[in-house]
């Protein structure tokens, strides 16, 4: 159980932390060559699809083109004003994007979100239209509500081409081209870009490893795991989302699949052309598609100043799950699951109320940033959440909001939290 102890030191810590803003390569060309331009000149114009995004720590943006099975790297981006210390309260961002593009709202779909490592501004992968008429864009959003399209076609880039991508013209449920499963997630870790998806027309689940800067070699491993609901070892189910964590000093991949096995394996197991057998350590719930996964450092218990490491999974069809990394370590040390688990089990986890969240990233030491579907009106919002709380006070109506209450002595800690959260979410102390 989470404690509900809040104290003055916690709020001083979180307030100061939220106010901290996170603060070129120069090519020397020998004579008689002319001085290089300030902006790179693209060898060709980018015209791919944009299904997945990732950032390197230096601000290089990676774009996953699932239609063509390629990854593009854009090293020079305009970053905009810093949003590092801001608490985002941006409503109906999909409507604002549609208006900025002169498009119909129903033609706008947000496919992914990443956060710039320095400014903490969210960058969105946006699809306008559908089918052969679809246009793909990257939009930058600042906490002030300013929206700007990143004109990728004007930027220099490098490209890595994946091999043996699906050639099938089939659709899943008459809407998703099988080809688009060539890339289901991309992440940058320790000098490499990792790309999850399927390869070939036998739909082999794979994880590609690309050294960056890109070279000619793409290393690909087939991924196998035991599916706790389907009761079989599977080689065709693609990883839906992945993250990385050092456990006992060794980097591990932590991956989550549809329906919802949680799987781990050492990063060193990835060898070009070899099959990796992942260890299934938990079943998080059947009938669900996970949307994002990340590691984070957050209060060990609700309101505590003591921090701990966690894995957080957000889902389309059920609550989000918060898992202690120490429990992941324990699970790695014992045999993986090999028998059906229903409806969930394998290791302890806590459901947290991040309903409707489509993507989630660490914004700073105190906040998480999300794109979330508003369940009242269906619109997409960009919202910050407090680590440790994992909910927004203004999403709910309770006796505390109907009148300004006198808090019982045993609930004085709630008073501090309520006042603090109201201010962050744009309301006065009395909720107005």
Foldseek 3Di string as FASTA:
>chain_A
DFDLDADPVLVVVLLVQLPDAFADDADDDDPPDDHDDPADFAPAFDAAAFQEWEADLQQWIWGQRLLQQKIKTFNDFDDDAAQLNAFAQFFQLLVVVCVVVVHDSVQKDWRYWDAGNHRRWIKTWIWGHDDPPIGIWIWTAHSVGDIDTTRRRRHYIDMAHDPQQEPDQDADVVGHGLSSQSFQYWYDDDQWIKTWGAGHPVQFTKIWIAGPVGDHDIAIEGEWEQDQAVLGIDGRFIFNEWEWDQDPNFIKIWTFTAQTWTWIDTPVQRGGPYYDYTFTQKGPFGPWGWQYKYKDWFAPGQNHPDIFIWMWIPIQPDFIKIGGVVQVNVSVVDHGDNHHDPGIDRTDIDGAHLHQFRYWDDSTNFKIWTWGQDPVPRGTGIGIDGGNRRDQPVVDDDPCQVFPDDDPPVCVSVLVVQQVRLVSNPHHSSND
